[in-house]
Amino acid sequence: MQDLSEVDSCDICTETYDGNLRPHSLPCGHTICSCCITNSIDDGILKCPHCQKSHTASSVDDFPVNYRMESIILILKGAQKGTIPRASAQSESRSLKSRALIIVGEQRDSLRSILKVTESVRSDVDTYRNHLQEQKDVLTELNAKISDILSQIEEIALQIDSEDNQTEEQLQEGKELERNAVSYLRELEDLTRVNDLVTPSEDLEKICKTLDKWNTECTARFPSVQMISNLDKITRATETALNVISKTYEDAAPSEVPEHVDPALTIMEKIQKITGGAYLSLNRLKSMSPFVKSLLERGKVYAIQNKDGFMRSARITKQDNKCYLHYLQNEEITQHVYVVKHSDVVDSLNTDSIVAFLDLEWDGSVRGRVHINLSPDTPLAKHFWTLCTGHLGPSYALTKFLSVKNKGHQTSERVEGGDYENNNGTGGAPLFAGLKVKDDIYERRKVVGRVTANHGVNDGPKSAQFRIYTGTKEGKTAEGIYGHVQDGLDVVREAVKLNDVSKVTIVDCGVVLPF
């Protein structure tokens, strides 16, 4: 039988393995103790003391425990102690079994842990594969567009060839006519005597008419207006596109491929680290492909507004199967993300069915999100969602609720807010004109959860302020109703119950995107 001393201690430090000092297997196949591993790791690298092969490591936990070796050690210990008294042997057997059960439990936990990591890695690889497929689709689309441009160039090239052939034919004909005319002219110049002068012949008249006809045909026929116009368009467009591509590539050139990417990052995080993020077209955003969804769910998509050299950004997220455009903030993007033009996103909104949202916070925690369905394409509704997105500058973000009116009344209880200027009820100037509450375009029925303008707005200094009615019953009629709470009215009602409603802050706002 194998000597226990050959396996129960570390080959490097010769210390005996126990519950604290355990054997760990390296990828190269050698086994050393946990203490030697810890002492040998230098700057994220462990060199095997046996074969000198390097392994990436940050701690001893990067290498699995050699459970088979521990089991063998237990068996050998049991065999060596087989001569001890029966009672002691039974006790030792129970101890060995207990230790074996512990090892089995550790093996089970280790396997579960590895399976969990494997599941995460598999999901990451699956996301990466979806990304690759999407990139293939993008390249296919680009290739189709480039092929279309090349087809147009080839078509124009054929038109140029045809035009060239026609000009060659015209030139040959013109040269022949010119030779005949010159020859006849010389004959006329050779006439020196009066008796030689004759009445102009029919040949001369024919030559002149032929030359005149050729001149007229050439000036009328050339150039081909359609061909020259198409040539100019495709040349300008192609040269402009190539210049943009060349400049973009040159600008991106200094961004060298990193020599080392943190292995702790996910596959998609590594891609973003390498590429530094990328522009996302509106169509790609609308596609809601698995890759785009993963970006949205991880907060990696922003809408960018660049106005007069001043950059602002707005998050685009996906929650509960809804895609949200959050309000613009005065922050430049520093992390590796994907960006889309803010104006493209705003232009994609369907003004006939816009849903805005407000996130309410009090006592240090966000209590919920309020979705507000706005009336179709009305000035007050547009004014409201404009202040939710902040794309004209100001927004409702970080403003407080101002007051509660008719508290406890079943139809007229309401909360007021929207003073983006002073946050105390004295401000809230309109961003544009035309906010007349008496216009017939607004709904008048007092539905539960209705959203209205403050009375007497009419382009006044408080036009941005709004009211949300929280009563439990409908009323008769009212002016300036431009929306109603779609969901989240319970959150507003909880806010109304507070002794001081000014503690409620709109910490976030924006609109629901239609894709």
Protein backbone atom coordinates (compact mmCIF):
# COMPACT_ATOMS: atom_id res chain seq x y z
CA MET A 1 0.00 0.00 0.00
CA GLN A 2 1.10 3.55 -0.78
CA ASP A 3 2.86 5.34 2.06
CA LEU A 4 0.65 8.08 3.55
CA SER A 5 3.62 10.45 3.78
CA GLU A 6 3.85 10.47 -0.02
CA VAL A 7 0.44 12.13 -0.47
CA ASP A 8 -0.65 13.79 2.78
CA SER A 9 1.71 16.76 2.53
CA CYS A 10 2.51 19.55 0.08
CA ASP A 11 5.47 18.82 -2.22
CA ILE A 12 6.66 22.42 -1.91
CA CYS A 13 6.45 23.32 1.78
CA THR A 14 6.11 19.69 3.06
CA GLU A 15 3.35 20.79 5.47
CA THR A 16 0.69 18.17 6.17
CA TYR A 17 -2.75 18.79 4.66
CA ASP A 18 -5.60 19.46 7.10
CA GLY A 19 -8.87 21.38 7.27
CA ASN A 20 -7.11 24.71 6.73
CA LEU A 21 -4.18 23.68 4.55
CA ARG A 22 -5.85 21.96 1.59
CA PRO A 23 -4.56 20.60 -1.74
CA HIS A 24 -5.51 22.66 -4.83
CA SER A 25 -5.21 21.55 -8.47
CA LEU A 26 -3.56 23.86 -11.01
CA PRO A 27 -4.58 23.90 -14.70
CA CYS A 28 -1.20 22.36 -15.55
CA GLY A 29 -2.15 19.26 -13.51
CA HIS A 30 0.09 19.76 -10.46
CA THR A 31 -1.18 20.03 -6.89
CA ILE A 32 0.10 22.37 -4.18
CA CYS A 33 -1.31 23.66 -0.92
CA SER A 34 -3.42 26.77 -0.42
CA CYS A 35 -0.64 28.53 1.50
CA CYS A 36 1.93 28.03 -1.27
CA ILE A 37 -0.56 29.31 -3.86
CA THR A 38 -1.25 32.47 -1.83
CA ASN A 39 2.48 33.11 -1.36
CA SER A 40 3.29 32.48 -5.04
CA ILE A 41 0.76 34.82 -6.69
CA ASP A 42 2.57 37.89 -8.03
CA ASP A 43 0.77 40.66 -9.90
CA GLY A 44 -2.13 38.42 -10.90
CA ILE A 45 0.12 35.57 -12.09
CA LEU A 46 0.98 32.24 -10.44
CA LYS A 47 3.95 30.23 -11.72
CA CYS A 48 3.69 26.51 -11.01
CA PRO A 49 6.67 25.53 -8.78
CA HIS A 50 6.89 22.19 -10.61
CA CYS A 51 6.72 23.11 -14.32
CA GLN A 52 7.00 26.95 -14.21
CA LYS A 53 3.84 27.34 -16.31
CA SER A 54 2.06 30.68 -15.69
CA HIS A 55 -1.59 30.85 -14.63
CA THR A 56 -3.78 33.96 -14.24
CA ALA A 57 -4.99 34.22 -10.64
CA SER A 58 -6.06 36.72 -8.03
CA SER A 59 -6.48 34.36 -5.06
CA VAL A 60 -6.36 30.71 -4.03
CA ASP A 61 -10.10 30.49 -4.81
CA ASP A 62 -9.25 30.58 -8.52
CA PHE A 63 -8.02 26.98 -8.23
CA PRO A 64 -10.32 24.09 -7.21
CA VAL A 65 -9.69 21.90 -4.17
CA ASN A 66 -8.40 18.44 -5.11
CA TYR A 67 -11.18 16.46 -3.45
CA ARG A 68 -9.98 13.14 -4.87
CA MET A 69 -6.61 13.58 -3.14
CA GLU A 70 -8.34 14.42 0.14
CA SER A 71 -10.44 11.26 -0.19
CA ILE A 72 -7.33 9.16 -0.83
CA ILE A 73 -5.64 10.67 2.23
CA LEU A 74 -8.66 9.74 4.36
CA ILE A 75 -8.64 6.17 3.04
CA LEU A 76 -4.90 5.79 3.70
CA LYS A 77 -5.29 7.21 7.20
CA GLY A 78 -8.03 4.68 7.88
CA ALA A 79 -5.90 1.81 6.59
CA GLN A 80 -2.88 2.78 8.69
CA LYS A 81 -4.99 2.94 11.82
CA GLY A 82 -6.57 -0.46 11.28
CA THR A 83 -4.59 -1.99 14.19
CA ILE A 84 -5.97 0.32 16.85
CA PRO A 85 -8.50 -0.95 19.41
CA ARG A 86 -12.00 -1.73 18.10
CA ALA A 87 -13.74 1.12 19.93
CA SER A 88 -11.18 3.60 18.74
CA ALA A 89 -11.42 2.16 15.22
CA GLN A 90 -15.20 2.63 15.23
CA SER A 91 -14.80 6.18 16.47
CA GLU A 92 -12.17 6.83 13.83
CA SER A 93 -14.46 5.29 11.18
CA ARG A 94 -17.29 7.59 12.19
CA SER A 95 -14.90 10.54 12.05
CA LEU A 96 -13.73 9.51 8.61
CA LYS A 97 -17.32 9.11 7.40
CA SER A 98 -18.21 12.50 8.82
CA ARG A 99 -15.21 14.03 7.10
CA ALA A 100 -16.16 12.25 3.87
CA LEU A 101 -19.69 13.66 4.07
CA ILE A 102 -18.25 17.13 4.56
CA ILE A 103 -16.06 16.66 1.49
CA VAL A 104 -19.05 15.41 -0.54
CA GLY A 105 -21.02 18.47 0.58
CA GLU A 106 -18.19 20.74 -0.43
CA GLN A 107 -17.97 18.98 -3.78
CA ARG A 108 -21.71 19.43 -4.28
CA ASP A 109 -21.52 23.13 -3.37
CA SER A 110 -18.52 23.56 -5.63
CA LEU A 111 -20.35 21.93 -8.54
CA ARG A 112 -23.42 24.09 -7.96
CA SER A 113 -21.23 27.17 -7.91
CA ILE A 114 -19.51 26.17 -11.14
CA LEU A 115 -22.88 25.41 -12.76
CA LYS A 116 -24.12 28.86 -11.76
CA VAL A 117 -21.05 30.45 -13.32
CA THR A 118 -21.47 28.25 -16.40
CA GLU A 119 -25.08 29.34 -16.76
CA SER A 120 -24.02 32.98 -16.57
CA VAL A 121 -21.21 32.47 -19.09
CA ARG A 122 -23.52 30.55 -21.41
CA SER A 123 -26.04 33.39 -21.25
CA ASP A 124 -23.22 35.84 -21.95
CA VAL A 125 -22.05 33.80 -24.96
CA ASP A 126 -25.65 33.58 -26.18
CA THR A 127 -25.97 37.38 -25.95
CA TYR A 128 -22.66 37.70 -27.79
CA ARG A 129 -23.91 35.37 -30.52
CA ASN A 130 -27.05 37.50 -30.90
CA HIS A 131 -24.77 40.53 -31.15
CA LEU A 132 -22.74 38.83 -33.88
CA GLN A 133 -25.91 37.95 -35.77
CA GLU A 134 -27.11 41.52 -35.50
CA GLN A 135 -23.76 42.80 -36.73
CA LYS A 136 -24.03 40.40 -39.67
CA ASP A 137 -27.48 41.83 -40.40
CA VAL A 138 -26.07 45.36 -40.19
CA LEU A 139 -23.24 44.46 -42.57
CA THR A 140 -25.73 42.77 -44.92
CA GLU A 141 -27.84 45.92 -44.91
CA LEU A 142 -24.76 48.08 -45.50
CA ASN A 143 -23.61 45.75 -48.26
CA ALA A 144 -27.03 45.99 -49.91
CA LYS A 145 -26.89 49.79 -49.77
CA ILE A 146 -23.33 49.82 -51.11
CA SER A 147 -24.35 47.35 -53.84
CA ASP A 148 -27.22 49.64 -54.78
CA ILE A 149 -24.84 52.59 -55.03
CA LEU A 150 -22.40 50.50 -57.08
CA SER A 151 -25.27 49.45 -59.36
CA GLN A 152 -26.15 53.10 -59.88
CA ILE A 153 -22.50 53.89 -60.62
CA GLU A 154 -22.33 50.99 -63.09
CA GLU A 155 -25.56 52.14 -64.75
CA ILE A 156 -24.21 55.67 -65.11
CA ALA A 157 -20.92 54.26 -66.41
CA LEU A 158 -22.91 52.45 -69.13
CA GLN A 159 -24.72 55.70 -69.92
CA ILE A 160 -21.36 57.46 -70.19
CA ASP A 161 -20.12 54.73 -72.55
CA SER A 162 -23.22 55.17 -74.68
CA GLU A 163 -22.80 58.94 -74.65
CA ASP A 164 -19.13 58.53 -75.55
CA ASN A 165 -20.00 56.28 -78.51
CA GLN A 166 -22.53 58.81 -79.74
CA THR A 167 -20.03 61.66 -79.47
CA GLU A 168 -17.48 59.56 -81.36
CA GLU A 169 -19.98 58.96 -84.16
CA GLN A 170 -20.86 62.63 -84.27
CA LEU A 171 -17.19 63.59 -84.34
CA GLN A 172 -16.44 61.21 -87.22
CA GLU A 173 -19.39 62.55 -89.16
CA GLY A 174 -18.39 66.13 -88.39
CA LYS A 175 -14.79 65.56 -89.46
CA GLU A 176 -15.96 64.09 -92.77
CA LEU A 177 -18.29 67.01 -93.39
CA GLU A 178 -15.54 69.42 -92.44
CA ARG A 179 -13.08 67.78 -94.90
CA ASN A 180 -15.59 68.04 -97.74
CA ALA A 181 -16.33 71.66 -96.92
CA VAL A 182 -12.63 72.58 -96.74
CA SER A 183 -11.97 70.86 -100.06
CA TYR A 184 -14.77 72.77 -101.72
CA LEU A 185 -13.52 75.99 -100.12
CA ARG A 186 -10.09 75.45 -101.69
CA GLU A 187 -11.70 75.01 -105.08
CA LEU A 188 -13.41 78.35 -104.64
CA GLU A 189 -10.16 80.00 -103.59
CA ASP A 190 -8.43 78.69 -106.76
CA LEU A 191 -10.81 80.61 -109.01
CA THR A 192 -8.67 83.53 -110.29
CA ARG A 193 -10.38 84.73 -113.43
CA VAL A 194 -13.69 86.41 -113.79
CA ASN A 195 -14.66 83.92 -116.42
CA ASP A 196 -14.14 81.14 -113.87
CA LEU A 197 -16.72 82.62 -111.50
CA VAL A 198 -19.97 80.81 -111.70
CA THR A 199 -23.26 80.94 -109.91
CA PRO A 200 -23.04 79.01 -106.61
CA SER A 201 -23.78 75.40 -107.30
CA GLU A 202 -26.22 73.09 -105.59
CA ASP A 203 -23.21 71.34 -104.00
CA LEU A 204 -22.29 74.46 -102.07
CA GLU A 205 -25.83 74.92 -100.81
CA LYS A 206 -25.98 71.27 -99.76
CA ILE A 207 -22.65 71.50 -97.92
CA CYS A 208 -23.76 74.57 -95.98
CA LYS A 209 -27.08 73.01 -95.02
CA THR A 210 -25.38 69.79 -93.91
CA LEU A 211 -22.88 71.64 -91.74
CA ASP A 212 -25.63 73.78 -90.22
CA LYS A 213 -27.70 70.68 -89.49
CA TRP A 214 -24.71 68.94 -87.86
CA ASN A 215 -24.00 71.99 -85.70
CA THR A 216 -27.62 72.21 -84.59
CA GLU A 217 -27.85 68.48 -83.80
CA CYS A 218 -24.67 68.52 -81.70
CA THR A 219 -25.62 71.55 -79.63
CA ALA A 220 -29.12 70.14 -79.09
CA ARG A 221 -28.04 66.58 -78.41
CA PHE A 222 -25.11 67.14 -76.07
CA PRO A 223 -24.84 66.90 -73.19
CA SER A 224 -27.41 64.36 -71.97
CA VAL A 225 -29.02 66.43 -69.22
CA GLN A 226 -30.35 63.40 -67.31
CA MET A 227 -27.06 61.52 -67.46
CA ILE A 228 -24.98 64.53 -66.36
CA SER A 229 -27.44 65.25 -63.52
CA ASN A 230 -27.33 61.64 -62.30
CA LEU A 231 -23.54 61.59 -62.60
CA ASP A 232 -23.22 64.77 -60.57
CA LYS A 233 -25.55 63.48 -57.84
CA ILE A 234 -23.93 60.08 -57.45
CA THR A 235 -20.41 61.55 -57.59
CA ARG A 236 -21.13 64.19 -54.95
CA ALA A 237 -22.98 61.75 -52.69
CA THR A 238 -20.31 59.05 -52.98
CA GLU A 239 -17.40 61.43 -52.45
CA THR A 240 -19.13 62.99 -49.43
CA ALA A 241 -19.85 59.56 -47.95
CA LEU A 242 -16.28 58.38 -48.53
CA ASN A 243 -14.89 61.55 -46.96
CA VAL A 244 -17.08 61.03 -43.90
CA ILE A 245 -16.00 57.39 -43.68
CA SER A 246 -12.34 58.33 -44.09
CA LYS A 247 -12.54 61.09 -41.47
CA THR A 248 -14.45 58.89 -39.04
CA TYR A 249 -11.89 56.12 -39.45
CA GLU A 250 -8.99 58.54 -38.99
CA ASP A 251 -10.60 60.03 -35.89
CA ALA A 252 -11.04 56.55 -34.47
CA ALA A 253 -7.50 55.46 -35.36
CA PRO A 254 -5.80 56.75 -32.16
CA SER A 255 -8.01 54.40 -30.14
CA GLU A 256 -5.58 51.50 -30.10
CA VAL A 257 -6.65 47.95 -29.36
CA PRO A 258 -6.02 47.41 -25.64
CA GLU A 259 -3.33 44.86 -24.87
CA HIS A 260 -5.17 43.61 -21.82
CA VAL A 261 -8.92 43.53 -21.14
CA ASP A 262 -10.07 42.79 -17.61
CA PRO A 263 -11.09 39.08 -17.62
CA ALA A 264 -13.67 39.84 -14.93
CA LEU A 265 -15.76 41.78 -17.49
CA THR A 266 -18.58 40.09 -19.37
CA ILE A 267 -18.18 39.45 -23.09
CA MET A 268 -20.37 42.43 -24.00
CA GLU A 269 -18.53 44.66 -21.51
CA LYS A 270 -15.26 43.64 -23.18
CA ILE A 271 -16.70 44.60 -26.58
CA GLN A 272 -17.73 48.00 -25.24
CA LYS A 273 -14.27 48.40 -23.66
CA ILE A 274 -12.61 47.65 -27.00
CA THR A 275 -14.94 49.75 -29.17
CA GLY A 276 -15.57 52.55 -26.69
CA GLY A 277 -19.29 52.23 -27.37
CA ALA A 278 -20.98 53.05 -30.64
CA TYR A 279 -23.75 55.01 -32.29
CA LEU A 280 -27.07 53.24 -32.46
CA SER A 281 -29.42 54.04 -35.32
CA LEU A 282 -33.09 54.61 -34.54
CA ASN A 283 -34.02 51.58 -36.64
CA ARG A 284 -31.67 49.36 -34.63
CA LEU A 285 -33.16 50.74 -31.42
CA LYS A 286 -36.67 50.07 -32.70
CA SER A 287 -35.75 46.52 -33.70
CA MET A 288 -35.61 45.51 -30.02
CA SER A 289 -33.27 42.66 -30.90
CA PRO A 290 -31.95 40.54 -28.00
CA PHE A 291 -28.70 42.52 -28.09
CA VAL A 292 -30.51 45.90 -27.97
CA LYS A 293 -32.76 44.64 -25.17
CA SER A 294 -29.73 43.57 -23.14
CA LEU A 295 -28.18 47.03 -23.62
CA LEU A 296 -31.37 48.75 -22.47
CA GLU A 297 -31.81 46.50 -19.46
CA ARG A 298 -28.20 47.17 -18.41
CA GLY A 299 -28.54 50.95 -18.85
CA LYS A 300 -26.09 51.12 -21.75
CA VAL A 301 -28.13 53.29 -24.15
CA TYR A 302 -28.28 57.10 -24.07
CA ALA A 303 -29.93 59.74 -26.25
CA ILE A 304 -27.52 62.59 -26.98
CA GLN A 305 -28.41 66.23 -27.64
CA ASN A 306 -25.61 68.46 -28.91
CA LYS A 307 -26.80 72.05 -29.12
CA ASP A 308 -24.43 74.96 -29.70
CA GLY A 309 -21.54 72.76 -28.62
CA PHE A 310 -23.22 71.88 -25.31
CA MET A 311 -23.78 68.17 -24.72
CA ARG A 312 -26.71 66.74 -22.77
CA SER A 313 -27.72 63.13 -22.34
CA ALA A 314 -30.85 61.17 -21.50
CA ARG A 315 -31.07 57.54 -20.45
CA ILE A 316 -33.12 55.09 -22.49
CA THR A 317 -34.18 52.06 -20.47
CA LYS A 318 -36.47 49.06 -20.68
CA GLN A 319 -38.57 48.08 -17.67
CA ASP A 320 -41.68 45.92 -17.40
CA ASN A 321 -41.74 45.49 -21.19
CA LYS A 322 -41.84 49.27 -21.73
CA CYS A 323 -39.12 51.39 -23.30
CA TYR A 324 -38.53 54.76 -21.60
CA LEU A 325 -36.85 57.99 -22.65
CA HIS A 326 -35.78 59.79 -19.45
CA TYR A 327 -35.27 63.54 -19.08
CA LEU A 328 -32.18 65.24 -20.48
CA GLN A 329 -29.42 65.99 -17.99
CA ASN A 330 -26.43 68.30 -18.26
CA GLU A 331 -24.00 65.41 -18.25
CA GLU A 332 -21.60 64.13 -20.88
CA ILE A 333 -21.24 60.40 -21.37
CA THR A 334 -17.98 59.07 -19.94
CA GLN A 335 -18.69 55.35 -19.74
CA HIS A 336 -18.72 52.89 -22.64
CA VAL A 337 -22.28 53.03 -23.95
CA TYR A 338 -24.30 53.11 -27.15
CA VAL A 339 -25.80 56.45 -28.15
CA VAL A 340 -28.61 57.62 -30.43
CA LYS A 341 -29.55 61.15 -31.52
CA HIS A 342 -32.08 62.62 -29.11
CA SER A 343 -33.89 64.48 -31.90
CA ASP A 344 -34.41 61.20 -33.78
CA VAL A 345 -35.99 59.64 -30.71
CA VAL A 346 -38.28 62.63 -30.07
CA ASP A 347 -39.30 62.73 -33.73
CA SER A 348 -40.34 59.08 -33.49
CA LEU A 349 -43.00 59.87 -30.87
CA ASN A 350 -46.60 59.44 -31.96
CA THR A 351 -48.20 62.69 -30.79
CA ASP A 352 -51.65 61.08 -31.01
CA SER A 353 -50.90 58.73 -28.12
CA ILE A 354 -48.07 59.94 -25.89
CA VAL A 355 -47.68 58.49 -22.40
CA ALA A 356 -45.53 60.52 -19.99
CA PHE A 357 -44.22 59.32 -16.64
CA LEU A 358 -43.28 60.82 -13.27
CA ASP A 359 -41.27 58.99 -10.57
CA LEU A 360 -42.27 60.17 -7.09
CA GLU A 361 -39.98 60.10 -4.06
CA TRP A 362 -40.45 61.03 -0.42
CA ASP A 363 -38.73 60.15 2.83
CA GLY A 364 -35.63 59.07 0.93
CA SER A 365 -37.14 56.37 -1.30
CA VAL A 366 -38.83 56.19 -4.70
CA ARG A 367 -42.47 55.23 -4.07
CA GLY A 368 -43.57 54.49 -7.62
CA ARG A 369 -43.99 55.52 -11.23
CA VAL A 370 -47.04 57.41 -12.50
CA HIS A 371 -47.99 56.97 -16.17
CA ILE A 372 -50.08 59.77 -17.68
CA ASN A 373 -51.93 59.27 -20.96
CA LEU A 374 -52.00 62.65 -22.75
CA SER A 375 -54.76 63.93 -25.02
CA PRO A 376 -53.96 63.72 -28.75
CA ASP A 377 -51.72 66.47 -30.08
CA THR A 378 -52.94 69.42 -28.00
CA PRO A 379 -50.76 72.40 -26.96
CA LEU A 380 -51.08 71.72 -23.21
CA ALA A 381 -50.30 68.02 -23.68
CA LYS A 382 -47.27 68.87 -25.84
CA HIS A 383 -46.14 71.39 -23.24
CA PHE A 384 -46.41 68.74 -20.51
CA TRP A 385 -44.41 66.02 -22.28
CA THR A 386 -41.85 68.60 -23.44
CA LEU A 387 -41.18 69.38 -19.77
CA CYS A 388 -41.03 65.65 -19.04
CA THR A 389 -38.26 65.10 -21.63
CA GLY A 390 -36.53 68.45 -21.13
CA HIS A 391 -35.58 68.66 -24.81
CA LEU A 392 -36.22 72.42 -24.87
CA GLY A 393 -34.17 72.98 -21.70
CA PRO A 394 -36.20 72.92 -18.45
CA SER A 395 -37.90 69.81 -17.08
CA TYR A 396 -40.13 68.71 -14.22
CA ALA A 397 -37.26 66.63 -12.80
CA LEU A 398 -36.37 67.46 -9.17
CA THR A 399 -39.43 69.69 -8.73
CA LYS A 400 -41.72 69.29 -5.72
CA PHE A 401 -45.44 68.88 -5.34
CA LEU A 402 -46.71 72.29 -4.29
CA SER A 403 -50.00 71.82 -2.47
CA VAL A 404 -53.12 69.70 -1.98
CA LYS A 405 -56.54 71.28 -2.56
CA ASN A 406 -59.94 70.08 -1.27
CA LYS A 407 -58.33 67.20 0.61
CA GLY A 408 -60.82 64.39 1.18
CA HIS A 409 -63.35 65.60 -1.40
CA GLN A 410 -64.55 62.75 -3.62
CA THR A 411 -64.41 64.64 -6.91
CA SER A 412 -62.23 67.74 -6.49
CA GLU A 413 -59.30 66.53 -4.33
CA ARG A 414 -56.14 67.35 -6.24
CA VAL A 415 -52.40 67.86 -5.95
CA GLU A 416 -50.56 70.65 -7.75
CA GLY A 417 -47.01 70.78 -9.07
CA GLY A 418 -44.84 71.80 -12.00
CA ASP A 419 -43.01 74.96 -10.91
CA TYR A 420 -39.74 74.20 -12.70
CA GLU A 421 -38.50 77.77 -12.18
CA ASN A 422 -38.85 78.53 -8.47
CA ASN A 423 -40.17 75.24 -7.04
CA ASN A 424 -42.51 77.13 -4.69
CA GLY A 425 -45.63 77.82 -6.78
CA THR A 426 -44.66 81.29 -8.02
CA GLY A 427 -43.15 80.22 -11.35
CA GLY A 428 -43.54 77.87 -14.28
CA ALA A 429 -43.50 80.11 -17.35
CA PRO A 430 -44.67 78.63 -20.67
CA LEU A 431 -42.06 77.34 -23.09
CA PHE A 432 -44.23 78.30 -26.06
CA ALA A 433 -47.48 80.17 -26.69
CA GLY A 434 -50.96 78.85 -27.39
CA LEU A 435 -51.85 77.37 -23.99
CA LYS A 436 -55.50 78.42 -23.87
CA VAL A 437 -57.51 76.27 -21.44
CA LYS A 438 -60.87 77.35 -22.89
CA ASP A 439 -60.15 75.96 -26.34
CA ASP A 440 -62.70 73.37 -27.49
CA ILE A 441 -59.93 70.88 -28.31
CA TYR A 442 -59.68 69.76 -24.68
CA GLU A 443 -61.74 67.11 -22.93
CA ARG A 444 -64.25 68.43 -20.40
CA ARG A 445 -65.51 65.31 -18.62
CA LYS A 446 -64.14 65.07 -15.07
CA VAL A 447 -62.75 61.53 -15.15
CA VAL A 448 -60.97 60.05 -12.13
CA GLY A 449 -57.24 60.78 -12.27
CA ARG A 450 -57.57 63.63 -14.75
CA VAL A 451 -54.64 65.98 -15.36
CA THR A 452 -55.38 69.64 -16.00
CA ALA A 453 -53.76 73.02 -16.21
CA ASN A 454 -54.11 75.48 -13.38
CA HIS A 455 -57.12 77.76 -13.76
CA GLY A 456 -56.47 80.93 -15.69
CA VAL A 457 -53.28 79.66 -17.35
CA ASN A 458 -53.80 81.25 -20.77
CA ASP A 459 -50.06 81.67 -21.45
CA GLY A 460 -49.58 83.16 -17.98
CA PRO A 461 -46.45 82.99 -15.78
CA LYS A 462 -47.57 79.69 -14.22
CA SER A 463 -48.61 77.86 -17.39
CA ALA A 464 -46.30 74.92 -16.72
CA GLN A 465 -48.03 74.05 -13.43
CA PHE A 466 -50.40 71.08 -13.46
CA ARG A 467 -53.04 69.43 -11.32
CA ILE A 468 -53.65 65.71 -10.80
CA TYR A 469 -57.11 64.95 -9.43
CA THR A 470 -57.06 62.11 -6.91
CA GLY A 471 -60.75 61.93 -5.93
CA THR A 472 -62.56 58.62 -6.20
CA LYS A 473 -65.58 59.82 -8.20
CA GLU A 474 -66.08 61.52 -11.55
CA GLY A 475 -67.43 65.06 -11.68
CA LYS A 476 -69.40 66.95 -14.29
CA THR A 477 -67.25 69.11 -16.57
CA ALA A 478 -64.03 71.10 -16.34
CA GLU A 479 -61.73 73.14 -18.57
CA GLY A 480 -58.24 72.35 -19.79
CA ILE A 481 -58.17 68.56 -19.22
CA TYR A 482 -55.25 67.29 -21.29
CA GLY A 483 -54.58 63.87 -19.79
CA HIS A 484 -55.42 61.23 -17.23
CA VAL A 485 -53.41 58.89 -15.01
CA GLN A 486 -53.11 55.54 -16.76
CA ASP A 487 -51.59 53.80 -13.76
CA GLY A 488 -49.90 54.89 -10.55
CA LEU A 489 -52.82 56.93 -9.20
CA ASP A 490 -52.47 55.00 -5.94
CA VAL A 491 -48.95 56.45 -5.59
CA VAL A 492 -50.28 59.99 -6.02
CA ARG A 493 -53.03 59.32 -3.47
CA GLU A 494 -50.44 58.12 -0.95
CA ALA A 495 -48.55 61.37 -1.50
CA VAL A 496 -51.73 63.38 -0.90
CA LYS A 497 -52.12 61.73 2.51
CA LEU A 498 -48.84 63.23 3.74
CA ASN A 499 -49.00 66.12 6.18
CA ASP A 500 -46.54 68.04 4.02
CA VAL A 501 -46.92 67.25 0.31
CA SER A 502 -43.89 69.42 -0.53
CA LYS A 503 -41.76 66.50 0.69
CA VAL A 504 -42.72 64.72 -2.54
CA THR A 505 -40.17 65.17 -5.34
CA ILE A 506 -40.38 64.19 -9.00
CA VAL A 507 -36.98 62.49 -9.11
CA ASP A 508 -37.33 61.28 -12.69
CA CYS A 509 -39.61 61.90 -15.66
CA GLY A 510 -39.88 61.29 -19.36
CA VAL A 511 -42.03 59.51 -21.93
CA VAL A 512 -42.79 55.95 -22.98
CA LEU A 513 -41.32 55.20 -26.40
CA PRO A 514 -43.59 53.53 -28.99
CA PHE A 515 -41.36 50.51 -29.52
